[in-house]
Structures are given as C-alpha cells and as structure tokens.
C-alpha cells in the first residue's frame, strides 16, 4: 500500500479525481472522499463515520485503524468501502458538493467580470461593480 492508500489492485492512475483499479472499478481519491465526508458524514452510521474520520482526516492506515478500534484490517477495509459507496450515493442523489463547486465557479467568474468594470470611465458603473463585488465576497465567507 502506498502513502495515498492505493493498493496493488489499483493502477494508481488518477483520472478526474478518481483512481482506476485493475478490476475496472473507479474509486474516488482521498481528497474527494474527505470533501464528501464533510458534506454527508453525519448521514453515515457512527462506526463508519469514525473509521472514515480516522482514515481520511487523521490519515491512519487500515492496520492502525484496526489496532485502535479492535477489529480486523479486513473489517476496516469493508466498512470503508461501504462508507465510500454510501457517500457517493448521497452525492449522486443530493449533489451538494457539485452544486457548491458550481456556485464557487460562478461567483469567481462574476468577480472577474466585475473587476473589469472597476476600470470603467463611468463612476456609477464602478460604484455598482464595487457594491456587487462586496456582496459576492460576503457569499464566499
């Protein structure tokens, strides 16, 4: 197993935030799973949530989690696979992470366009652009 948690069954080739395994199954990267855990972690059963926290937030290995929780390494692995499947299904159905990413991208594009208006010769346009930029900045916070 590598430091990123990939195993010999995985090619290790990243494709759009996912890892292609030799069996053809696409797994999400740890960073993607951490994001989904932030959005949907409270929907997981407590033990799965705990194992995910130890794996993705505290970066423990499967063996370390097994030792700490008193279950087998295979039990941890199976629980994490079930949690990963549940997190992906929550995102597929609810789409909160994807929606927030689209909102961030849209706000960034709007800010770019408004910055272009800040150099306008028209004072009213500049003031209005500043006001809208301020509103967008409060959305980011």
Protein backbone atom coordinates (compact mmCIF):
# COMPACT_ATOMS: atom_id res chain seq x y z
CA UNK A 1 0.00 0.00 0.00
CA UNK A 2 1.29 3.46 -0.88
CA UNK A 3 1.12 6.57 1.29
CA UNK A 4 -2.04 7.60 -0.61
CA UNK A 5 -3.83 4.40 0.35
CA UNK A 6 -3.72 2.75 -3.06
CA UNK A 7 -3.10 -0.97 -3.16
CA UNK A 8 -1.60 -3.36 -5.66
CA UNK A 9 -5.12 -3.87 -7.04
CA UNK A 10 -5.14 -0.27 -8.17
CA UNK A 11 -3.31 1.16 -11.10
CA UNK A 12 -2.74 4.36 -9.18
CA UNK A 13 -3.54 6.45 -12.24
CA UNK A 14 -5.65 9.41 -11.30
CA UNK A 15 -8.46 10.28 -13.68
CA UNK A 16 -10.56 13.31 -12.77
CA UNK A 17 -10.18 12.85 -9.01
CA UNK A 18 -10.74 9.12 -9.26
CA UNK A 19 -8.43 6.14 -9.15
CA UNK A 20 -8.88 3.35 -11.69
CA UNK A 21 -8.44 -0.08 -10.14
CA UNK A 22 -7.33 -3.11 -12.11
CA UNK A 23 -10.82 -4.59 -11.79
CA UNK A 24 -12.18 -1.57 -13.68
CA UNK A 25 -13.89 -0.01 -10.66
CA UNK A 26 -13.38 3.74 -10.25
CA UNK A 27 -12.58 4.86 -6.70
CA UNK A 28 -12.63 8.44 -5.60
CA UNK A 29 -9.40 9.89 -4.30
CA UNK A 30 -8.95 10.52 -0.59
CA UNK A 31 -9.34 14.26 -1.09
CA UNK A 32 -12.67 13.76 -2.84
CA UNK A 33 -13.85 11.40 -0.12
CA UNK A 34 -12.82 13.88 2.56
CA UNK A 35 -15.00 16.50 0.88
CA UNK A 36 -17.94 14.10 0.65
CA UNK A 37 -17.37 13.15 4.28
CA UNK A 38 -17.61 16.83 5.21
CA UNK A 39 -20.95 17.10 3.40
CA UNK A 40 -22.55 13.78 4.27
CA UNK A 41 -20.56 12.26 7.15
CA UNK A 42 -23.38 12.75 9.64
CA UNK A 43 -25.57 10.51 7.46
CA UNK A 44 -23.22 7.53 7.91
CA UNK A 45 -23.60 5.07 10.77
CA UNK A 46 -21.39 6.12 13.71
CA UNK A 47 -18.78 3.36 13.26
CA UNK A 48 -18.39 4.02 9.53
CA UNK A 49 -18.12 7.74 10.24
CA UNK A 50 -15.45 7.05 12.86
CA UNK A 51 -13.43 4.81 10.52
CA UNK A 52 -13.68 7.42 7.75
CA UNK A 53 -12.51 10.14 10.11
CA UNK A 54 -9.52 8.06 11.16
CA UNK A 55 -8.67 7.19 7.55
CA UNK A 56 -9.29 10.45 5.69
CA UNK A 57 -8.97 13.18 8.31
CA UNK A 58 -6.35 11.66 10.59
CA UNK A 59 -4.57 9.75 7.77
CA UNK A 60 -4.26 6.46 9.65
CA UNK A 61 -3.53 3.23 7.78
CA UNK A 62 -6.00 0.36 7.75
CA UNK A 63 -3.74 -1.54 10.16
CA UNK A 64 -3.60 1.43 12.55
CA UNK A 65 -7.38 1.82 12.48
CA UNK A 66 -7.81 -1.92 13.09
CA UNK A 67 -5.45 -1.79 16.05
CA UNK A 68 -7.16 1.29 17.52
CA UNK A 69 -10.72 0.01 17.07
CA UNK A 70 -10.18 -3.66 17.84
CA UNK A 71 -11.48 -5.06 14.55
CA UNK A 72 -9.66 -6.77 11.72
CA UNK A 73 -7.93 -4.86 8.95
CA UNK A 74 -10.36 -6.53 6.52
CA UNK A 75 -13.28 -5.33 8.66
CA UNK A 76 -11.98 -1.76 8.45
CA UNK A 77 -11.47 -2.11 4.70
CA UNK A 78 -15.01 -3.45 4.16
CA UNK A 79 -16.53 -0.75 6.34
CA UNK A 80 -14.64 1.96 4.43
CA UNK A 81 -15.82 0.51 1.09
CA UNK A 82 -19.43 0.59 2.29
CA UNK A 83 -18.98 4.14 3.56
CA UNK A 84 -17.43 5.24 0.27
CA UNK A 85 -20.33 3.74 -1.67
CA UNK A 86 -22.82 5.48 0.63
CA UNK A 87 -21.04 8.85 0.31
CA UNK A 88 -21.02 8.56 -3.49
CA UNK A 89 -24.70 7.66 -3.49
CA UNK A 90 -25.53 10.64 -1.24
CA UNK A 91 -23.70 12.91 -3.69
CA UNK A 92 -25.39 11.30 -6.69
CA UNK A 93 -28.84 11.84 -5.17
CA UNK A 94 -28.32 15.16 -3.38
CA UNK A 95 -25.49 16.75 -5.35
CA UNK A 96 -24.50 19.23 -2.63
CA UNK A 97 -20.74 19.13 -3.29
CA UNK A 98 -21.20 19.51 -7.05
CA UNK A 99 -23.71 22.34 -6.57
CA UNK A 100 -21.35 24.20 -4.23
CA UNK A 101 -18.48 23.77 -6.70
CA UNK A 102 -20.66 25.24 -9.48
CA UNK A 103 -21.62 28.15 -7.23
CA UNK A 104 -17.95 28.85 -6.40
CA UNK A 105 -17.04 28.78 -10.09
CA UNK A 106 -19.93 31.08 -10.99
CA UNK A 107 -19.03 33.55 -8.23
CA UNK A 108 -15.38 33.56 -9.39
CA UNK A 109 -16.43 34.29 -12.99
CA UNK A 110 -18.76 37.06 -11.83
CA UNK A 111 -15.95 38.59 -9.75
CA UNK A 112 -13.64 38.57 -12.77
CA UNK A 113 -16.23 40.35 -14.89
CA UNK A 114 -16.90 42.89 -12.15
CA UNK A 115 -13.18 43.62 -11.75
CA UNK A 116 -13.14 44.51 -15.43
CA UNK A 117 -15.90 47.04 -14.75
CA UNK A 118 -13.88 48.71 -11.97
CA UNK A 119 -11.75 50.43 -14.63
CA UNK A 120 -14.81 51.87 -16.36
CA UNK A 121 -14.82 55.59 -17.09
CA UNK A 122 -18.37 55.75 -15.71
CA UNK A 123 -18.28 56.41 -11.94
CA UNK A 124 -21.77 54.94 -11.43
CA UNK A 125 -20.71 51.68 -13.10
CA UNK A 126 -17.58 51.49 -10.91
CA UNK A 127 -19.60 52.06 -7.71
CA UNK A 128 -22.20 49.49 -8.70
CA UNK A 129 -19.45 46.97 -9.54
CA UNK A 130 -17.83 47.60 -6.14
CA UNK A 131 -21.16 47.03 -4.40
CA UNK A 132 -21.79 43.77 -6.21
CA UNK A 133 -18.20 42.61 -5.52
CA UNK A 134 -18.73 43.31 -1.84
CA UNK A 135 -21.93 41.23 -1.90
CA UNK A 136 -20.14 38.36 -3.64
CA UNK A 137 -17.35 38.47 -1.07
CA UNK A 138 -19.90 38.04 1.73
CA UNK A 139 -21.23 34.97 -0.09
CA UNK A 140 -17.71 33.47 -0.09
CA UNK A 141 -17.41 33.97 3.67
